[in-house]
């Protein structure tokens, strides 16, 4: 029986960076040992480390890339490659969520253990990620989707289990700053961010069944004129600051979620077209 192949644990972009590093090193006529001695501002690294970077088995720091760029006279190309190929490799290979959330119009997040990464402050994220600076920086970069101008940032429904607010992370000071950050985000993203806390009580509706069950019990309404076209129309369900839309002939299909302001703009645009 053939041995089961293990899923890759490093980003596939790392070998691409490593190949370019090797080409520049060989063009400069340096061995891995010689290049290693010049790395990191003269502090140096082992030849084995250089070999691991070149083979894509490990992720180098930007400091290493900067020193190698200067020593190998790469004219900034290695730094550009590091930003393109290595920067986001701090994410595990299975974690493709950043690409998905970057294209999202609306995100719903239900957090049971810790606060959503898109709303974590640096100290909170650092504690969760065991002080991995690259991973923390990568997580904080994901948060830029909330303040971008083009495309418009997504609307966000953040559901927090009560335990996330009382489960201490990195001490009382960090927790206070983290909760203050949530309050500030709610104010700054008014109309785009809804934060709801699900009580820890087991009998609360938020702890029984999944969220789609709750949606199925939502009150839907459709136009009284829909009978004139065979019943083919959309149905609406209004909630505070949110409007849900579904196809009346496929009630269990995809539901669209708009902010109240966004839905008003949509209706206004249809009327004017």
Protein backbone atom coordinates (compact mmCIF):
# COMPACT_ATOMS: atom_id res chain seq x y z
CA UNK A 1 0.00 0.00 0.00
CA UNK A 2 1.43 3.38 -1.00
CA UNK A 3 2.26 5.77 1.80
CA UNK A 4 -0.25 8.55 2.27
CA UNK A 5 1.07 11.88 1.09
CA UNK A 6 1.17 14.59 3.72
CA UNK A 7 -0.46 17.89 3.00
CA UNK A 8 2.05 20.70 2.57
CA UNK A 9 2.69 22.74 5.69
CA UNK A 10 4.43 25.69 4.00
CA UNK A 11 3.21 28.09 1.37
CA UNK A 12 3.87 27.12 -2.27
CA UNK A 13 5.16 30.66 -2.85
CA UNK A 14 8.23 30.06 -0.68
CA UNK A 15 10.05 27.83 -3.22
CA UNK A 16 9.51 30.53 -5.86
CA UNK A 17 11.27 33.08 -3.64
CA UNK A 18 13.98 30.58 -2.79
CA UNK A 19 14.77 29.92 -6.45
CA UNK A 20 15.27 33.62 -7.08
CA UNK A 21 17.49 33.95 -4.02
CA UNK A 22 19.64 31.05 -5.26
CA UNK A 23 19.98 32.61 -8.72
CA UNK A 24 21.14 35.93 -7.28
CA UNK A 25 23.56 34.20 -4.87
CA UNK A 26 25.10 32.07 -7.61
CA UNK A 27 25.33 35.08 -9.92
CA UNK A 28 27.29 36.85 -7.18
CA UNK A 29 29.63 33.86 -6.90
CA UNK A 30 28.86 33.20 -3.23
CA UNK A 31 28.39 29.86 -1.50
CA UNK A 32 25.53 29.34 0.95
CA UNK A 33 28.06 29.59 3.78
CA UNK A 34 29.50 32.89 2.50
CA UNK A 35 26.06 34.39 1.97
CA UNK A 36 25.00 33.25 5.42
CA UNK A 37 27.91 35.04 7.11
CA UNK A 38 26.77 38.35 5.55
CA UNK A 39 23.09 37.99 6.53
CA UNK A 40 21.14 40.02 9.07
CA UNK A 41 23.45 42.99 9.33
CA UNK A 42 26.57 40.88 9.78
CA UNK A 43 25.14 38.74 12.58
CA UNK A 44 24.98 35.89 10.12
CA UNK A 45 22.97 32.69 9.72
CA UNK A 46 24.04 29.12 9.07
CA UNK A 47 24.48 27.71 5.59
CA UNK A 48 21.74 25.23 6.48
CA UNK A 49 19.32 28.12 7.02
CA UNK A 50 20.20 29.60 3.62
CA UNK A 51 19.63 26.19 2.07
CA UNK A 52 16.22 25.86 3.74
CA UNK A 53 15.17 29.29 2.45
CA UNK A 54 16.34 28.47 -1.07
CA UNK A 55 14.49 25.17 -1.09
CA UNK A 56 11.30 26.78 0.25
CA UNK A 57 11.29 24.77 3.47
CA UNK A 58 11.32 27.81 5.73
CA UNK A 59 10.09 31.39 5.72
CA UNK A 60 12.82 34.02 6.00
CA UNK A 61 12.45 37.41 7.65
CA UNK A 62 12.32 40.68 5.75
CA UNK A 63 15.59 41.65 7.47
CA UNK A 64 17.26 38.61 5.89
CA UNK A 65 15.82 39.50 2.48
CA UNK A 66 16.95 43.12 2.86
CA UNK A 67 20.53 42.16 3.73
CA UNK A 68 20.72 39.62 0.91
CA UNK A 69 19.32 42.15 -1.54
CA UNK A 70 22.12 44.56 -0.66
CA UNK A 71 24.91 41.96 -0.49
CA UNK A 72 23.89 40.29 -3.75
CA UNK A 73 23.30 43.65 -5.48
CA UNK A 74 19.76 42.68 -6.45
CA UNK A 75 18.69 46.35 -6.70
CA UNK A 76 15.54 45.87 -4.63
CA UNK A 77 14.26 42.85 -6.55
CA UNK A 78 14.58 40.45 -3.62
CA UNK A 79 12.65 42.84 -1.37
CA UNK A 80 9.89 43.15 -3.97
CA UNK A 81 9.75 39.37 -4.24
CA UNK A 82 9.61 39.05 -0.45
CA UNK A 83 6.63 41.42 -0.34
CA UNK A 84 4.90 39.53 -3.17
CA UNK A 85 5.73 35.94 -2.25
CA UNK A 86 6.73 35.71 1.42
CA UNK A 87 4.74 38.37 3.23
CA UNK A 88 1.41 36.54 3.30
CA UNK A 89 2.94 33.09 3.68
CA UNK A 90 2.60 33.61 7.45
CA UNK A 91 -0.88 32.14 6.95
CA UNK A 92 -1.12 28.31 7.05
CA UNK A 93 -1.51 26.73 3.61
CA UNK A 94 -5.08 25.63 4.40
CA UNK A 95 -6.16 29.15 5.44
CA UNK A 96 -7.62 30.74 2.30
CA UNK A 97 -10.07 32.96 4.17
CA UNK A 98 -8.20 36.26 3.52
CA UNK A 99 -8.87 35.92 -0.22
CA UNK A 100 -12.55 35.23 0.43
CA UNK A 101 -13.15 38.05 2.91
CA UNK A 102 -11.31 40.51 0.67
CA UNK A 103 -14.00 39.99 -1.99
CA UNK A 104 -16.97 39.81 0.38
CA UNK A 105 -19.81 42.34 0.37
CA UNK A 106 -21.14 41.11 3.72
CA UNK A 107 -19.54 38.93 6.40
CA UNK A 108 -21.29 37.17 9.28
CA UNK A 109 -18.99 35.87 12.02
CA UNK A 110 -20.00 33.82 15.06
CA UNK A 111 -17.16 33.65 17.61
CA UNK A 112 -17.34 31.07 20.38
CA UNK A 113 -13.88 31.20 21.97
CA UNK A 114 -12.01 34.42 21.11
CA UNK A 115 -12.83 37.71 19.40
CA UNK A 116 -12.80 37.74 15.60
CA UNK A 117 -9.33 38.33 14.13
CA UNK A 118 -10.56 41.29 12.09
CA UNK A 119 -11.32 43.13 15.33
CA UNK A 120 -8.35 42.08 17.47
CA UNK A 121 -5.87 44.66 18.75
CA UNK A 122 -2.13 43.87 18.38
CA UNK A 123 -1.57 42.80 21.99
CA UNK A 124 -4.60 40.48 21.93
CA UNK A 125 -3.57 38.96 18.59
CA UNK A 126 0.03 38.52 19.76
CA UNK A 127 -1.10 36.50 22.77
CA UNK A 128 -3.35 34.30 20.65
CA UNK A 129 -0.58 33.75 18.07
CA UNK A 130 2.12 33.02 20.69
CA UNK A 131 4.12 36.13 19.86
CA UNK A 132 4.68 35.25 16.19
CA UNK A 133 5.34 38.75 14.81
CA UNK A 134 4.86 37.78 11.17
CA UNK A 135 1.55 36.09 11.92
CA UNK A 136 0.38 39.10 13.95
CA UNK A 137 1.30 41.51 11.14
CA UNK A 138 -0.51 39.29 8.63
CA UNK A 139 -3.63 39.27 10.81
CA UNK A 140 -3.58 43.04 11.24
CA UNK A 141 -3.19 43.52 7.47
CA UNK A 142 -6.42 41.61 6.96
CA UNK A 143 -8.20 44.33 8.93
CA UNK A 144 -7.57 46.89 6.18
CA UNK A 145 -10.64 45.60 4.32
CA UNK A 146 -12.76 47.32 6.98
CA UNK A 147 -11.40 50.80 6.18
CA UNK A 148 -10.66 50.60 2.46
CA UNK A 149 -12.21 52.99 -0.04
CA UNK A 150 -12.17 50.94 -3.24
CA UNK A 151 -13.94 48.59 -3.31
CA UNK A 152 -16.23 49.70 -0.47
CA UNK A 153 -15.68 47.83 2.80
CA UNK A 154 -18.04 44.94 3.59
CA UNK A 155 -20.85 45.20 6.09
CA UNK A 156 -20.28 42.96 9.10
CA UNK A 157 -22.50 41.06 11.51
CA UNK A 158 -20.36 40.08 14.49
CA UNK A 159 -21.92 37.63 16.94
CA UNK A 160 -19.87 37.08 20.08
CA UNK A 161 -20.50 34.36 22.60
CA UNK A 162 -20.58 35.94 26.04
CA UNK A 163 -17.53 33.90 27.01
CA UNK A 164 -15.35 35.81 24.52
CA UNK A 165 -15.87 38.97 26.58
CA UNK A 166 -14.90 37.45 29.92
CA UNK A 167 -12.23 34.96 28.81
CA UNK A 168 -9.06 36.84 29.72
CA UNK A 169 -6.35 37.08 27.06
CA UNK A 170 -2.96 38.68 27.88
CA UNK A 171 -4.16 40.22 31.13
CA UNK A 172 -6.79 42.68 32.31
CA UNK A 173 -5.24 45.72 30.62
CA UNK A 174 -5.25 44.10 27.19
CA UNK A 175 -8.83 42.89 27.67
CA UNK A 176 -9.98 46.40 28.60
CA UNK A 177 -8.26 47.85 25.54
CA UNK A 178 -9.72 45.10 23.35
CA UNK A 179 -13.28 45.75 24.53
CA UNK A 180 -12.79 49.51 24.11
CA UNK A 181 -11.63 48.83 20.56
CA UNK A 182 -14.85 46.92 19.87
CA UNK A 183 -16.89 49.89 21.10
CA UNK A 184 -14.87 52.30 18.96
CA UNK A 185 -15.26 50.05 15.90
CA UNK A 186 -19.03 49.95 16.42
CA UNK A 187 -19.13 53.74 16.40
CA UNK A 188 -16.74 54.20 13.47
CA UNK A 189 -18.51 51.54 11.37
CA UNK A 190 -22.02 52.69 12.27
CA UNK A 191 -24.44 51.35 9.70
CA UNK A 192 -21.93 48.71 8.52
CA UNK A 193 -21.16 46.81 11.72
CA UNK A 194 -23.65 45.05 13.98
CA UNK A 195 -22.25 43.54 17.18
CA UNK A 196 -24.46 41.14 19.11
CA UNK A 197 -23.59 39.19 22.26
CA UNK A 198 -25.09 35.72 22.62
CA UNK A 199 -25.74 35.08 26.34
CA UNK A 200 -23.99 32.09 27.88
CA UNK A 201 -27.30 30.61 29.00
CA UNK A 202 -27.86 27.34 27.20
CA UNK A 203 -31.59 27.95 26.76
CA UNK A 204 -31.03 31.17 24.77
CA UNK A 205 -32.20 30.93 21.13
CA UNK A 206 -28.71 31.74 19.92
CA UNK A 207 -27.44 28.49 21.44
CA UNK A 208 -30.07 26.17 19.94
CA UNK A 209 -29.77 25.14 16.31
CA UNK A 210 -27.78 26.92 13.65
CA UNK A 211 -28.33 30.42 12.31
CA UNK A 212 -30.14 29.17 9.21
CA UNK A 213 -32.85 27.76 11.45
CA UNK A 214 -33.37 31.25 12.78
CA UNK A 215 -33.54 32.61 9.25
CA UNK A 216 -36.15 30.00 8.31
CA UNK A 217 -38.36 31.32 11.12
CA UNK A 218 -37.99 34.88 9.87
CA UNK A 219 -41.19 36.65 8.81
CA UNK A 220 -41.11 37.24 5.04
CA UNK A 221 -43.43 39.45 3.05
CA UNK A 222 -44.02 40.02 -0.66
CA UNK A 223 -45.93 42.50 -2.75
CA UNK A 224 -49.69 42.14 -2.88
CA UNK A 225 -49.38 42.58 -6.65
CA UNK A 226 -47.23 39.49 -7.12
CA UNK A 227 -50.24 37.39 -8.16
CA UNK A 228 -50.38 39.25 -11.47
CA UNK A 229 -47.14 37.63 -12.66
CA UNK A 230 -47.69 34.14 -11.36
CA UNK A 231 -46.11 34.81 -8.00
CA UNK A 232 -42.61 35.38 -9.38
CA UNK A 233 -41.11 38.09 -7.20
CA UNK A 234 -38.77 38.73 -4.35
CA UNK A 235 -39.66 38.56 -0.67
CA UNK A 236 -38.30 40.82 2.05
CA UNK A 237 -37.60 40.43 5.73
CA UNK A 238 -36.65 43.55 7.65
CA UNK A 239 -34.55 43.63 10.80
CA UNK A 240 -32.90 46.50 12.65
CA UNK A 241 -30.42 48.02 10.16
CA UNK A 242 -30.72 44.96 7.87
CA UNK A 243 -32.93 43.83 4.98
CA UNK A 244 -32.94 40.20 3.78
CA UNK A 245 -34.05 39.37 0.23
CA UNK A 246 -34.96 35.97 -1.25
CA UNK A 247 -36.59 34.54 -4.37
CA UNK A 248 -40.25 33.69 -3.69
CA UNK A 249 -40.02 30.62 -5.97
CA UNK A 250 -36.88 29.36 -4.22
CA UNK A 251 -37.37 30.28 -0.55
CA UNK A 252 -34.64 27.91 0.63
CA UNK A 253 -32.08 29.26 -1.82
CA UNK A 254 -29.56 32.06 -1.51
CA UNK A 255 -30.55 35.05 0.59
CA UNK A 256 -29.10 38.50 -0.02
CA UNK A 257 -28.37 40.73 2.94
CA UNK A 258 -28.34 44.53 2.68
CA UNK A 259 -27.92 47.29 5.20
CA UNK A 260 -31.07 49.40 5.41
CA UNK A 261 -29.23 52.27 3.76
CA UNK A 262 -27.86 50.02 1.01
CA UNK A 263 -31.31 48.61 0.24
CA UNK A 264 -32.79 52.09 0.04
CA UNK A 265 -30.06 53.05 -2.45
CA UNK A 266 -30.81 49.93 -4.50
CA UNK A 267 -34.54 50.69 -4.65
CA UNK A 268 -33.85 54.32 -5.50
CA UNK A 269 -31.53 53.27 -8.33
CA UNK A 270 -34.14 50.88 -9.75
CA UNK A 271 -36.79 53.58 -9.69
CA UNK A 272 -34.53 56.03 -11.49
CA UNK A 273 -33.38 53.56 -14.16
